[in-house]
Amino acid sequence: MDVTDSQFLPFPTDNDPAAGALDLQILAEAIDAKLVTAFANYRATLNKKIKYSTMLVNGSSIAANTLTTVYPTFSTWSVLYDSTGGTAAANPFDMTGFIGMSGGVYRAGMFLKTNPSGAVNANTRRFLQIEATIAQDSSPLPTVTVEGYFNEVVEANAGGTFQVLECEFFVPFVTSSAFSSKVVASYFHTNTSSTVTYIAGSYAWLYRVADLEL
């Protein structure tokens, strides 16, 4: 019995015609084993680890000219979906809290709805920032690096704003203590005549894209 060049699957030959049925059985079993592995790899690729959170009620008012953390500590968030099997933790962006997650390529994002709670200063800034603190494996102790991403718009008049920001970052490994990786979203505005409120129905998410190619 010979094998194929790439996948090394056994196939019947003319050397022993009497064993043809056995050769076909061996070939079928080899193909089935390959398919089991292939399907497992496909499921791991398609079913990415993801956490998806939303605000169920309006957040507290945000003062002008102050960079304020809006996720995860500013308001009450509810985890709508968590494919890792985790619970609705207080900080679903905390990398050390991931169940079944590990180092890899991640994307984090936010859909942010805001509205002034009172008077509006025309043409004032609305600034959304996502900052990733990433643990780096170094000797003798881990260190951290920080990557920042932002989206900025101008609110011309009353009516509120909608901002979307998504970023990608690389986490070499998941660790604990002071060197844990995490993602924090912050907000800044210049509407000095009133505060700005974070509106229910805003969303935040984090999902694992792929392994790191080391």
N, C-alpha and C. Protein backbone atom coordinates (compact mmCIF):
# COMPACT_ATOMS: atom_id res chain seq x y z
N MET A 1 0.85 -1.20 0.00
CA MET A 1 0.00 0.00 0.00
C MET A 1 0.89 1.24 0.00
N ASP A 2 0.57 2.19 -0.90
CA ASP A 2 1.30 3.44 -0.98
C ASP A 2 0.56 4.53 -0.20
N VAL A 3 1.18 5.71 -0.09
CA VAL A 3 0.54 6.86 0.54
C VAL A 3 0.62 8.05 -0.41
N THR A 4 -0.33 8.98 -0.23
CA THR A 4 -0.34 10.19 -1.06
C THR A 4 0.82 11.11 -0.68
N ASP A 5 1.15 12.03 -1.59
CA ASP A 5 2.34 12.86 -1.40
C ASP A 5 2.20 13.89 -0.29
N SER A 6 1.01 14.53 -0.18
CA SER A 6 0.88 15.65 0.76
C SER A 6 0.32 15.25 2.11
N GLN A 7 -0.78 14.51 2.11
CA GLN A 7 -1.45 14.16 3.36
C GLN A 7 -1.08 12.76 3.87
N PHE A 8 -0.30 12.03 3.09
CA PHE A 8 0.16 10.69 3.48
C PHE A 8 -1.00 9.75 3.79
N LEU A 9 -2.03 9.83 2.95
CA LEU A 9 -3.17 8.93 3.08
C LEU A 9 -2.86 7.63 2.35
N PRO A 10 -3.15 6.49 2.97
CA PRO A 10 -2.91 5.21 2.29
C PRO A 10 -3.92 4.99 1.17
N PHE A 11 -3.50 4.38 0.09
CA PHE A 11 -4.44 4.07 -0.97
C PHE A 11 -4.10 2.70 -1.58
N PRO A 12 -5.13 2.02 -2.10
CA PRO A 12 -4.93 0.67 -2.64
C PRO A 12 -3.99 0.69 -3.85
N THR A 13 -3.25 -0.38 -3.99
CA THR A 13 -2.37 -0.55 -5.15
C THR A 13 -2.67 -1.88 -5.82
N ASP A 14 -2.01 -2.11 -6.93
CA ASP A 14 -2.21 -3.36 -7.67
C ASP A 14 -1.38 -4.51 -7.12
N ASN A 15 -0.59 -4.23 -6.09
CA ASN A 15 0.33 -5.26 -5.60
C ASN A 15 -0.40 -6.44 -4.98
N ASP A 16 -1.53 -6.17 -4.32
CA ASP A 16 -2.24 -7.24 -3.63
C ASP A 16 -3.73 -7.07 -3.85
N PRO A 17 -4.23 -7.51 -5.01
CA PRO A 17 -5.66 -7.30 -5.33
C PRO A 17 -6.59 -7.91 -4.31
N ALA A 18 -6.17 -8.98 -3.66
CA ALA A 18 -7.05 -9.65 -2.71
C ALA A 18 -7.33 -8.81 -1.47
N ALA A 19 -6.47 -7.85 -1.21
CA ALA A 19 -6.62 -7.01 -0.02
C ALA A 19 -7.30 -5.69 -0.35
N GLY A 20 -7.98 -5.61 -1.47
CA GLY A 20 -8.58 -4.34 -1.88
C GLY A 20 -9.58 -3.80 -0.89
N ALA A 21 -10.45 -4.65 -0.35
CA ALA A 21 -11.46 -4.19 0.61
C ALA A 21 -10.80 -3.65 1.89
N LEU A 22 -9.77 -4.36 2.34
CA LEU A 22 -9.06 -3.91 3.54
C LEU A 22 -8.35 -2.59 3.27
N ASP A 23 -7.76 -2.45 2.07
CA ASP A 23 -7.09 -1.21 1.72
C ASP A 23 -8.08 -0.04 1.73
N LEU A 24 -9.28 -0.26 1.20
CA LEU A 24 -10.29 0.80 1.17
C LEU A 24 -10.74 1.17 2.59
N GLN A 25 -10.84 0.18 3.47
CA GLN A 25 -11.20 0.46 4.86
C GLN A 25 -10.13 1.31 5.53
N ILE A 26 -8.87 0.94 5.32
CA ILE A 26 -7.77 1.70 5.91
C ILE A 26 -7.76 3.13 5.38
N LEU A 27 -8.01 3.29 4.07
CA LEU A 27 -8.07 4.62 3.48
C LEU A 27 -9.20 5.45 4.09
N ALA A 28 -10.40 4.84 4.23
CA ALA A 28 -11.55 5.56 4.78
C ALA A 28 -11.29 5.99 6.22
N GLU A 29 -10.69 5.12 7.01
CA GLU A 29 -10.40 5.47 8.40
C GLU A 29 -9.36 6.59 8.49
N ALA A 30 -8.39 6.58 7.59
CA ALA A 30 -7.38 7.64 7.59
C ALA A 30 -7.99 8.99 7.20
N ILE A 31 -8.91 8.97 6.22
CA ILE A 31 -9.58 10.21 5.81
C ILE A 31 -10.44 10.74 6.95
N ASP A 32 -11.17 9.84 7.61
CA ASP A 32 -12.03 10.25 8.73
C ASP A 32 -11.21 10.91 9.84
N ALA A 33 -10.06 10.34 10.15
CA ALA A 33 -9.21 10.93 11.20
C ALA A 33 -8.73 12.31 10.81
N LYS A 34 -8.37 12.48 9.54
CA LYS A 34 -7.95 13.81 9.06
C LYS A 34 -9.09 14.81 9.15
N LEU A 35 -10.31 14.38 8.81
CA LEU A 35 -11.46 15.28 8.84
C LEU A 35 -11.80 15.71 10.26
N VAL A 36 -11.68 14.80 11.22
CA VAL A 36 -11.93 15.16 12.62
C VAL A 36 -11.01 16.29 13.05
N THR A 37 -9.73 16.17 12.72
CA THR A 37 -8.77 17.21 13.07
C THR A 37 -9.07 18.51 12.34
N ALA A 38 -9.40 18.40 11.04
CA ALA A 38 -9.69 19.59 10.23
C ALA A 38 -10.91 20.34 10.76
N PHE A 39 -11.98 19.60 11.11
CA PHE A 39 -13.18 20.23 11.62
C PHE A 39 -12.93 20.90 12.97
N ALA A 40 -12.12 20.26 13.80
CA ALA A 40 -11.77 20.86 15.09
C ALA A 40 -11.02 22.17 14.88
N ASN A 41 -10.12 22.20 13.91
CA ASN A 41 -9.38 23.44 13.61
C ASN A 41 -10.30 24.51 13.04
N TYR A 42 -11.25 24.11 12.19
CA TYR A 42 -12.20 25.07 11.63
C TYR A 42 -13.06 25.69 12.73
N ARG A 43 -13.54 24.86 13.65
CA ARG A 43 -14.37 25.38 14.74
C ARG A 43 -13.59 26.35 15.61
N ALA A 44 -12.32 26.02 15.88
CA ALA A 44 -11.49 26.92 16.69
C ALA A 44 -11.27 28.25 15.98
N THR A 45 -11.20 28.21 14.64
CA THR A 45 -10.97 29.43 13.85
C THR A 45 -12.23 30.27 13.76
N LEU A 46 -13.37 29.62 13.54
CA LEU A 46 -14.61 30.35 13.32
C LEU A 46 -15.27 30.81 14.62
N ASN A 47 -15.19 30.00 15.66
CA ASN A 47 -15.86 30.32 16.92
C ASN A 47 -14.90 31.08 17.84
N LYS A 48 -14.69 32.34 17.53
CA LYS A 48 -13.74 33.14 18.29
C LYS A 48 -14.26 33.43 19.69
N LYS A 49 -13.33 33.51 20.64
CA LYS A 49 -13.69 33.89 22.00
C LYS A 49 -14.11 35.36 22.00
N ILE A 50 -15.26 35.65 22.60
CA ILE A 50 -15.78 37.01 22.56
C ILE A 50 -16.55 37.33 23.84
N LYS A 51 -16.44 38.59 24.26
CA LYS A 51 -17.27 39.12 25.34
C LYS A 51 -17.93 40.40 24.82
N TYR A 52 -19.23 40.52 25.08
CA TYR A 52 -20.02 41.61 24.53
C TYR A 52 -20.88 42.19 25.65
N SER A 53 -20.70 43.48 25.93
CA SER A 53 -21.38 44.12 27.06
C SER A 53 -22.21 45.31 26.59
N THR A 54 -23.21 45.66 27.37
CA THR A 54 -24.03 46.82 27.06
C THR A 54 -24.39 47.57 28.33
N MET A 55 -24.73 48.84 28.16
CA MET A 55 -25.26 49.64 29.25
C MET A 55 -26.78 49.57 29.22
N LEU A 56 -27.39 49.17 30.32
CA LEU A 56 -28.84 49.02 30.37
C LEU A 56 -29.54 50.31 30.78
N VAL A 57 -28.84 51.17 31.52
CA VAL A 57 -29.40 52.46 31.94
C VAL A 57 -28.38 53.54 31.65
N ASN A 58 -28.83 54.79 31.62
CA ASN A 58 -27.92 55.90 31.36
C ASN A 58 -26.84 55.99 32.44
N GLY A 59 -25.63 56.37 32.02
CA GLY A 59 -24.54 56.55 32.96
C GLY A 59 -24.59 57.92 33.62
N SER A 60 -23.76 58.12 34.61
CA SER A 60 -23.69 59.40 35.30
C SER A 60 -23.16 60.47 34.36
N SER A 61 -23.38 61.71 34.72
CA SER A 61 -22.95 62.82 33.87
C SER A 61 -21.44 63.01 33.94
N ILE A 62 -20.83 63.32 32.80
CA ILE A 62 -19.39 63.48 32.68
C ILE A 62 -19.05 64.97 32.58
N ALA A 63 -18.19 65.44 33.44
CA ALA A 63 -17.81 66.85 33.45
C ALA A 63 -16.93 67.19 32.25
N ALA A 64 -16.91 68.45 31.88
CA ALA A 64 -16.13 68.90 30.74
C ALA A 64 -14.64 68.93 31.06
N ASN A 65 -13.84 68.79 30.01
CA ASN A 65 -12.38 68.97 30.06
C ASN A 65 -11.70 68.01 31.06
N THR A 66 -12.29 66.83 31.23
CA THR A 66 -11.71 65.82 32.10
C THR A 66 -11.78 64.46 31.41
N LEU A 67 -10.64 63.80 31.25
CA LEU A 67 -10.63 62.48 30.65
C LEU A 67 -11.17 61.49 31.69
N THR A 68 -12.32 60.92 31.39
CA THR A 68 -13.04 60.08 32.35
C THR A 68 -13.11 58.64 31.86
N THR A 69 -12.77 57.69 32.72
CA THR A 69 -12.90 56.28 32.38
C THR A 69 -14.38 55.92 32.34
N VAL A 70 -14.86 55.49 31.17
CA VAL A 70 -16.28 55.14 31.03
C VAL A 70 -16.48 53.63 30.97
N TYR A 71 -15.42 52.90 30.73
CA TYR A 71 -15.52 51.44 30.74
C TYR A 71 -14.22 50.87 31.26
N PRO A 72 -14.25 50.05 32.28
CA PRO A 72 -15.43 49.38 32.84
C PRO A 72 -15.96 49.99 34.14
N THR A 73 -15.30 51.02 34.70
CA THR A 73 -15.60 51.42 36.07
C THR A 73 -16.61 52.55 36.21
N PHE A 74 -16.90 53.29 35.15
CA PHE A 74 -17.71 54.50 35.32
C PHE A 74 -19.19 54.19 35.52
N SER A 75 -19.70 53.21 34.79
CA SER A 75 -21.13 52.91 34.84
C SER A 75 -21.34 51.40 35.00
N THR A 76 -22.59 51.04 35.21
CA THR A 76 -22.93 49.61 35.34
C THR A 76 -23.12 49.00 33.96
N TRP A 77 -22.33 47.97 33.69
CA TRP A 77 -22.42 47.28 32.40
C TRP A 77 -22.94 45.87 32.63
N SER A 78 -23.61 45.34 31.63
CA SER A 78 -24.12 43.99 31.68
C SER A 78 -23.53 43.19 30.53
N VAL A 79 -22.99 42.01 30.83
CA VAL A 79 -22.43 41.15 29.79
C VAL A 79 -23.57 40.43 29.08
N LEU A 80 -23.77 40.76 27.80
CA LEU A 80 -24.82 40.13 27.02
C LEU A 80 -24.42 38.74 26.56
N TYR A 81 -23.14 38.59 26.21
CA TYR A 81 -22.69 37.30 25.69
C TYR A 81 -21.23 37.09 26.06
N ASP A 82 -20.91 35.90 26.51
CA ASP A 82 -19.55 35.56 26.89
C ASP A 82 -19.29 34.13 26.45
N SER A 83 -18.58 33.96 25.34
CA SER A 83 -18.35 32.63 24.78
C SER A 83 -17.31 31.85 25.57
N THR A 84 -16.62 32.51 26.52
CA THR A 84 -15.61 31.81 27.30
C THR A 84 -16.20 31.04 28.47
N GLY A 85 -17.49 31.22 28.72
CA GLY A 85 -18.12 30.54 29.84
C GLY A 85 -18.03 31.31 31.14
N GLY A 86 -17.52 32.54 31.08
CA GLY A 86 -17.40 33.34 32.28
C GLY A 86 -18.72 33.94 32.70
N THR A 87 -18.74 34.56 33.87
CA THR A 87 -19.94 35.22 34.37
C THR A 87 -19.86 36.72 34.09
N ALA A 88 -20.91 37.43 34.44
CA ALA A 88 -20.96 38.88 34.23
C ALA A 88 -20.07 39.57 35.25
N ALA A 89 -18.77 39.47 35.03
CA ALA A 89 -17.81 40.05 35.97
C ALA A 89 -17.86 41.56 35.91
N ALA A 90 -17.33 42.21 36.95
CA ALA A 90 -17.33 43.67 37.00
C ALA A 90 -16.46 44.25 35.89
N ASN A 91 -15.46 43.51 35.48
CA ASN A 91 -14.53 44.01 34.47
C ASN A 91 -14.30 42.95 33.39
N PRO A 92 -15.21 42.81 32.42
CA PRO A 92 -15.05 41.77 31.41
C PRO A 92 -13.91 42.02 30.45
N PHE A 93 -13.27 43.20 30.50
CA PHE A 93 -12.10 43.45 29.66
C PHE A 93 -10.81 43.03 30.36
N ASP A 94 -10.90 42.57 31.59
CA ASP A 94 -9.71 42.18 32.33
C ASP A 94 -9.16 40.88 31.75
N MET A 95 -7.98 40.94 31.14
CA MET A 95 -7.44 39.77 30.48
C MET A 95 -7.19 38.63 31.44
N THR A 96 -6.87 38.94 32.69
CA THR A 96 -6.58 37.88 33.65
C THR A 96 -7.85 37.14 34.05
N GLY A 97 -9.00 37.72 33.76
CA GLY A 97 -10.26 37.08 34.14
C GLY A 97 -10.83 36.20 33.05
N PHE A 98 -10.16 36.08 31.92
CA PHE A 98 -10.68 35.27 30.82
C PHE A 98 -10.63 33.78 31.16
N ILE A 99 -11.74 33.12 30.95
CA ILE A 99 -11.78 31.67 31.09
C ILE A 99 -11.59 31.07 29.70
N GLY A 100 -10.53 30.31 29.52
CA GLY A 100 -10.27 29.70 28.23
C GLY A 100 -9.58 30.59 27.24
N MET A 101 -9.15 31.77 27.64
CA MET A 101 -8.43 32.67 26.73
C MET A 101 -6.94 32.63 27.03
N SER A 102 -6.16 33.04 26.07
CA SER A 102 -4.70 33.03 26.22
C SER A 102 -4.12 34.14 25.36
N GLY A 103 -2.80 34.18 25.28
CA GLY A 103 -2.16 35.18 24.44
C GLY A 103 -2.61 35.06 22.99
N GLY A 104 -2.59 36.17 22.27
CA GLY A 104 -3.02 36.14 20.87
C GLY A 104 -3.28 37.53 20.35
N VAL A 105 -3.94 37.59 19.20
CA VAL A 105 -4.35 38.85 18.58
C VAL A 105 -5.78 39.14 19.03
N TYR A 106 -6.01 40.32 19.57
CA TYR A 106 -7.33 40.70 20.06
C TYR A 106 -7.80 41.99 19.39
N ARG A 107 -9.11 42.13 19.31
CA ARG A 107 -9.71 43.39 18.90
C ARG A 107 -10.71 43.82 19.96
N ALA A 108 -10.66 45.09 20.32
CA ALA A 108 -11.57 45.66 21.30
C ALA A 108 -12.28 46.84 20.67
N GLY A 109 -13.54 47.04 21.02
CA GLY A 109 -14.27 48.15 20.41
C GLY A 109 -15.37 48.67 21.30
N MET A 110 -15.92 49.81 20.88
CA MET A 110 -17.01 50.44 21.63
C MET A 110 -17.90 51.23 20.68
N PHE A 111 -19.20 51.10 20.88
CA PHE A 111 -20.20 51.96 20.25
C PHE A 111 -20.75 52.84 21.35
N LEU A 112 -20.46 54.12 21.29
CA LEU A 112 -20.74 55.05 22.38
C LEU A 112 -21.82 56.05 21.99
N LYS A 113 -22.88 56.15 22.81
CA LYS A 113 -23.94 57.14 22.62
C LYS A 113 -23.86 58.14 23.77
N THR A 114 -23.78 59.42 23.45
CA THR A 114 -23.75 60.45 24.49
C THR A 114 -24.68 61.59 24.13
N ASN A 115 -25.09 62.33 25.14
CA ASN A 115 -25.97 63.47 24.93
C ASN A 115 -25.76 64.47 26.06
N PRO A 116 -25.65 65.76 25.75
CA PRO A 116 -25.53 66.76 26.83
C PRO A 116 -26.75 66.72 27.74
N SER A 117 -26.52 66.86 29.03
CA SER A 117 -27.62 66.84 29.99
C SER A 117 -28.32 68.18 30.09
N GLY A 118 -27.74 69.22 29.49
CA GLY A 118 -28.35 70.55 29.53
C GLY A 118 -27.98 71.33 28.27
N ALA A 119 -27.47 72.54 28.47
CA ALA A 119 -27.12 73.41 27.34
C ALA A 119 -25.96 72.82 26.54
N VAL A 120 -25.95 73.16 25.24
CA VAL A 120 -24.92 72.65 24.33
C VAL A 120 -24.08 73.81 23.81
N ASN A 121 -22.77 73.67 23.92
CA ASN A 121 -21.86 74.60 23.26
C ASN A 121 -21.58 74.06 21.86
N ALA A 122 -21.96 74.83 20.84
CA ALA A 122 -21.80 74.37 19.46
C ALA A 122 -20.34 74.12 19.14
N ASN A 123 -20.11 73.11 18.29
CA ASN A 123 -18.78 72.77 17.77
C ASN A 123 -17.78 72.42 18.88
N THR A 124 -18.26 71.64 19.85
CA THR A 124 -17.38 71.19 20.92
C THR A 124 -16.98 69.73 20.71
N ARG A 125 -15.82 69.37 21.26
CA ARG A 125 -15.21 68.07 21.01
C ARG A 125 -15.92 66.95 21.77
N ARG A 126 -15.93 65.77 21.15
CA ARG A 126 -16.36 64.53 21.79
C ARG A 126 -15.27 63.50 21.48
N PHE A 127 -14.53 63.11 22.48
CA PHE A 127 -13.31 62.33 22.29
C PHE A 127 -13.45 60.98 22.99
N LEU A 128 -13.34 59.89 22.24
CA LEU A 128 -13.41 58.53 22.78
C LEU A 128 -12.05 57.86 22.60
N GLN A 129 -11.54 57.27 23.66
CA GLN A 129 -10.21 56.64 23.63
C GLN A 129 -10.28 55.21 24.16
N ILE A 130 -9.60 54.29 23.49
CA ILE A 130 -9.40 52.94 24.00
C ILE A 130 -7.91 52.74 24.20
N GLU A 131 -7.55 52.33 25.39
CA GLU A 131 -6.14 52.17 25.73
C GLU A 131 -5.90 50.73 26.19
N ALA A 132 -4.95 50.08 25.55
CA ALA A 132 -4.60 48.71 25.89
C ALA A 132 -3.28 48.68 26.65
N THR A 133 -3.31 48.16 27.86
CA THR A 133 -2.10 47.91 28.63
C THR A 133 -1.75 46.44 28.45
N ILE A 134 -0.60 46.17 27.87
CA ILE A 134 -0.28 44.82 27.41
C ILE A 134 0.94 44.28 28.13
N ALA A 135 0.78 43.12 28.74
CA ALA A 135 1.89 42.49 29.45
C ALA A 135 2.91 41.93 28.45
N GLN A 136 4.19 42.19 28.72
CA GLN A 136 5.27 41.70 27.88
C GLN A 136 6.13 40.74 28.70
N ASP A 137 6.45 39.61 28.13
CA ASP A 137 7.25 38.60 28.82
C ASP A 137 8.72 38.96 28.69
N SER A 138 9.32 39.43 29.78
CA SER A 138 10.72 39.84 29.75
C SER A 138 11.40 39.36 31.02
N SER A 139 12.70 39.38 31.02
CA SER A 139 13.47 38.88 32.17
C SER A 139 14.07 40.06 32.94
N PRO A 140 14.08 40.00 34.28
CA PRO A 140 13.62 38.89 35.12
C PRO A 140 12.12 38.93 35.41
N LEU A 141 11.45 40.07 35.17
CA LEU A 141 10.03 40.20 35.45
C LEU A 141 9.31 40.71 34.21
N PRO A 142 8.02 40.43 34.10
CA PRO A 142 7.26 41.00 32.99
C PRO A 142 7.21 42.53 33.08
N THR A 143 6.99 43.15 31.97
CA THR A 143 6.76 44.60 31.91
C THR A 143 5.46 44.82 31.16
N VAL A 144 5.05 46.07 31.05
CA VAL A 144 3.84 46.38 30.29
C VAL A 144 4.13 47.48 29.29
N THR A 145 3.43 47.43 28.18
CA THR A 145 3.45 48.52 27.20
C THR A 145 2.02 49.04 27.07
N VAL A 146 1.87 50.25 26.58
CA VAL A 146 0.55 50.86 26.44
C VAL A 146 0.35 51.31 25.00
N GLU A 147 -0.79 50.92 24.44
CA GLU A 147 -1.17 51.36 23.10
C GLU A 147 -2.48 52.12 23.20
N GLY A 148 -2.57 53.26 22.52
CA GLY A 148 -3.77 54.08 22.58
C GLY A 148 -4.39 54.31 21.21
N TYR A 149 -5.72 54.32 21.17
CA TYR A 149 -6.47 54.54 19.94
C TYR A 149 -7.61 55.50 20.26
N PHE A 150 -7.99 56.36 19.32
CA PHE A 150 -9.02 57.32 19.65
C PHE A 150 -9.89 57.66 18.44
N ASN A 151 -11.07 58.15 18.76
CA ASN A 151 -12.02 58.66 17.77
C ASN A 151 -12.51 60.00 18.28
N GLU A 152 -12.50 61.03 17.43
CA GLU A 152 -12.93 62.37 17.86
C GLU A 152 -13.90 62.94 16.85
N VAL A 153 -15.01 63.50 17.37
CA VAL A 153 -16.00 64.17 16.54
C VAL A 153 -16.31 65.52 17.16
N VAL A 154 -17.06 66.34 16.44
CA VAL A 154 -17.50 67.66 16.92
C VAL A 154 -19.02 67.69 16.91
N GLU A 155 -19.61 68.07 18.04
CA GLU A 155 -21.06 68.20 18.11
C GLU A 155 -21.44 69.63 17.75
N ALA A 156 -22.06 69.80 16.60
CA ALA A 156 -22.35 71.14 16.09
C ALA A 156 -23.50 71.80 16.86
N ASN A 157 -24.48 71.01 17.30
CA ASN A 157 -25.62 71.57 18.04
C ASN A 157 -26.27 70.46 18.85
N ALA A 158 -27.45 70.71 19.41
CA ALA A 158 -28.11 69.72 20.25
C ALA A 158 -28.48 68.48 19.45
N GLY A 159 -28.49 67.35 20.13
CA GLY A 159 -28.91 66.14 19.45
C GLY A 159 -28.13 64.90 19.83
N GLY A 160 -26.99 65.06 20.46
CA GLY A 160 -26.22 63.91 20.87
C GLY A 160 -25.29 63.40 19.78
N THR A 161 -24.39 62.51 20.17
CA THR A 161 -23.41 61.98 19.22
C THR A 161 -23.34 60.45 19.35
N PHE A 162 -22.89 59.83 18.26
CA PHE A 162 -22.68 58.39 18.20
C PHE A 162 -21.26 58.16 17.69
N GLN A 163 -20.46 57.43 18.46
CA GLN A 163 -19.08 57.18 18.07
C GLN A 163 -18.80 55.68 18.10
N VAL A 164 -18.01 55.22 17.12
CA VAL A 164 -17.61 53.82 17.04
C VAL A 164 -16.09 53.78 16.94
N LEU A 165 -15.48 52.94 17.76
CA LEU A 165 -14.03 52.79 17.74
C LEU A 165 -13.69 51.33 17.98
N GLU A 166 -12.84 50.76 17.12
CA GLU A 166 -12.35 49.40 17.32
C GLU A 166 -10.86 49.38 17.04
N CYS A 167 -10.11 48.64 17.85
CA CYS A 167 -8.66 48.60 17.69
C CYS A 167 -8.16 47.17 17.83
N GLU A 168 -6.95 46.93 17.35
CA GLU A 168 -6.35 45.61 17.41
C GLU A 168 -5.03 45.67 18.16
N PHE A 169 -4.78 44.69 18.99
CA PHE A 169 -3.53 44.67 19.74
C PHE A 169 -3.08 43.23 19.95
N PHE A 170 -1.83 43.06 20.33
CA PHE A 170 -1.20 41.75 20.43
C PHE A 170 -0.82 41.49 21.89
N VAL A 171 -1.30 40.40 22.43
CA VAL A 171 -1.02 40.01 23.81
C VAL A 171 -0.14 38.77 23.77
N PRO A 172 1.15 38.88 24.14
CA PRO A 172 2.04 37.72 24.08
C PRO A 172 1.60 36.59 25.01
N PHE A 173 1.11 36.93 26.18
CA PHE A 173 0.68 35.92 27.13
C PHE A 173 -0.23 36.57 28.16
N VAL A 174 -1.00 35.76 28.86
CA VAL A 174 -1.89 36.25 29.91
C VAL A 174 -1.23 35.98 31.25
N THR A 175 -1.08 37.04 32.03
CA THR A 175 -0.42 36.91 33.32
C THR A 175 -1.31 37.51 34.40
N SER A 176 -0.78 37.68 35.57
CA SER A 176 -1.57 38.19 36.70
C SER A 176 -0.82 39.33 37.37
N SER A 177 -1.31 39.73 38.52
CA SER A 177 -0.72 40.78 39.36
C SER A 177 -0.63 42.11 38.63
N ALA A 178 0.40 42.88 38.92
CA ALA A 178 0.52 44.23 38.37
C ALA A 178 0.82 44.23 36.88
N PHE A 179 1.16 43.06 36.32
CA PHE A 179 1.54 43.00 34.92
C PHE A 179 0.43 42.43 34.05
N SER A 180 -0.79 42.47 34.53
CA SER A 180 -1.89 41.93 33.75
C SER A 180 -2.22 42.85 32.58
N SER A 181 -2.69 42.24 31.50
CA SER A 181 -3.14 43.01 30.33
C SER A 181 -4.59 43.43 30.54
N LYS A 182 -4.95 44.60 30.07
CA LYS A 182 -6.32 45.08 30.22
C LYS A 182 -6.60 46.14 29.18
N VAL A 183 -7.88 46.42 28.99
CA VAL A 183 -8.32 47.45 28.05
C VAL A 183 -9.28 48.38 28.77
N VAL A 184 -9.05 49.67 28.63
CA VAL A 184 -9.88 50.68 29.29
C VAL A 184 -10.35 51.69 28.25
N ALA A 185 -11.61 52.07 28.31
CA ALA A 185 -12.16 53.10 27.43
C ALA A 185 -12.39 54.39 28.22
N SER A 186 -12.01 55.52 27.65
CA SER A 186 -12.15 56.81 28.32
C SER A 186 -12.84 57.81 27.39
N TYR A 187 -13.39 58.87 28.00
CA TYR A 187 -14.16 59.86 27.24
C TYR A 187 -13.80 61.26 27.71
N PHE A 188 -13.81 62.20 26.75
CA PHE A 188 -13.45 63.59 27.03
C PHE A 188 -14.34 64.49 26.16
N HIS A 189 -14.82 65.60 26.74
CA HIS A 189 -15.60 66.55 25.94
C HIS A 189 -15.32 67.97 26.42
N THR A 190 -15.70 68.94 25.61
CA THR A 190 -15.45 70.35 25.93
C THR A 190 -16.74 71.15 26.04
N ASN A 191 -17.84 70.47 26.31
CA ASN A 191 -19.13 71.15 26.46
C ASN A 191 -19.23 71.75 27.86
N THR A 192 -18.73 72.96 28.03
CA THR A 192 -18.61 73.56 29.37
C THR A 192 -19.94 74.04 29.96
N SER A 193 -20.97 74.19 29.13
CA SER A 193 -22.25 74.69 29.65
C SER A 193 -23.06 73.62 30.37
N SER A 194 -22.71 72.35 30.18
CA SER A 194 -23.39 71.28 30.90
C SER A 194 -22.54 70.01 30.83
N THR A 195 -22.92 69.05 31.62
CA THR A 195 -22.23 67.76 31.55
C THR A 195 -22.76 66.97 30.34
N VAL A 196 -22.12 65.84 30.07
CA VAL A 196 -22.56 64.94 29.00
C VAL A 196 -22.87 63.58 29.62
N THR A 197 -23.97 62.99 29.21
CA THR A 197 -24.42 61.72 29.78
C THR A 197 -24.16 60.57 28.81
N TYR A 198 -23.69 59.48 29.35
CA TYR A 198 -23.46 58.24 28.62
C TYR A 198 -24.81 57.52 28.51
N ILE A 199 -25.27 57.22 27.28
CA ILE A 199 -26.65 56.77 27.06
C ILE A 199 -26.76 55.25 27.04
N ALA A 200 -27.85 54.74 27.64
CA ALA A 200 -28.13 53.31 27.60
C ALA A 200 -28.21 52.83 26.16
N GLY A 201 -27.74 51.61 25.93
CA GLY A 201 -27.69 51.07 24.56
C GLY A 201 -26.32 51.20 23.96
N SER A 202 -25.37 51.81 24.69
CA SER A 202 -23.97 51.80 24.25
C SER A 202 -23.43 50.38 24.43
N TYR A 203 -22.42 50.02 23.63
CA TYR A 203 -21.89 48.67 23.66
C TYR A 203 -20.36 48.69 23.76
N ALA A 204 -19.83 47.64 24.33
CA ALA A 204 -18.38 47.42 24.36
C ALA A 204 -18.13 45.94 24.09
N TRP A 205 -17.06 45.64 23.39
CA TRP A 205 -16.79 44.24 23.06
C TRP A 205 -15.30 43.98 22.98
N LEU A 206 -14.97 42.71 23.12
CA LEU A 206 -13.59 42.25 23.02
C LEU A 206 -13.62 40.84 22.45
N TYR A 207 -12.82 40.58 21.42
CA TYR A 207 -12.78 39.22 20.89
C TYR A 207 -11.37 38.85 20.43
N ARG A 208 -11.12 37.57 20.49
CA ARG A 208 -9.81 37.02 20.12
C ARG A 208 -9.83 36.69 18.64
N VAL A 209 -8.87 37.25 17.90
CA VAL A 209 -8.84 37.07 16.46
C VAL A 209 -8.06 35.81 16.06
N ALA A 210 -6.87 35.64 16.62
CA ALA A 210 -6.01 34.55 16.19
C ALA A 210 -4.87 34.36 17.17
N ASP A 211 -4.16 33.25 16.99
CA ASP A 211 -2.92 33.03 17.73
C ASP A 211 -1.85 33.97 17.22
N LEU A 212 -0.84 34.19 18.02
CA LEU A 212 0.32 34.94 17.58
C LEU A 212 1.24 34.03 16.78
N GLU A 213 1.78 34.55 15.69
CA GLU A 213 2.75 33.78 14.91
C GLU A 213 4.13 34.06 15.49
N LEU A 214 4.61 33.15 16.31
CA LEU A 214 5.89 33.35 16.99
C LEU A 214 7.01 32.61 16.24
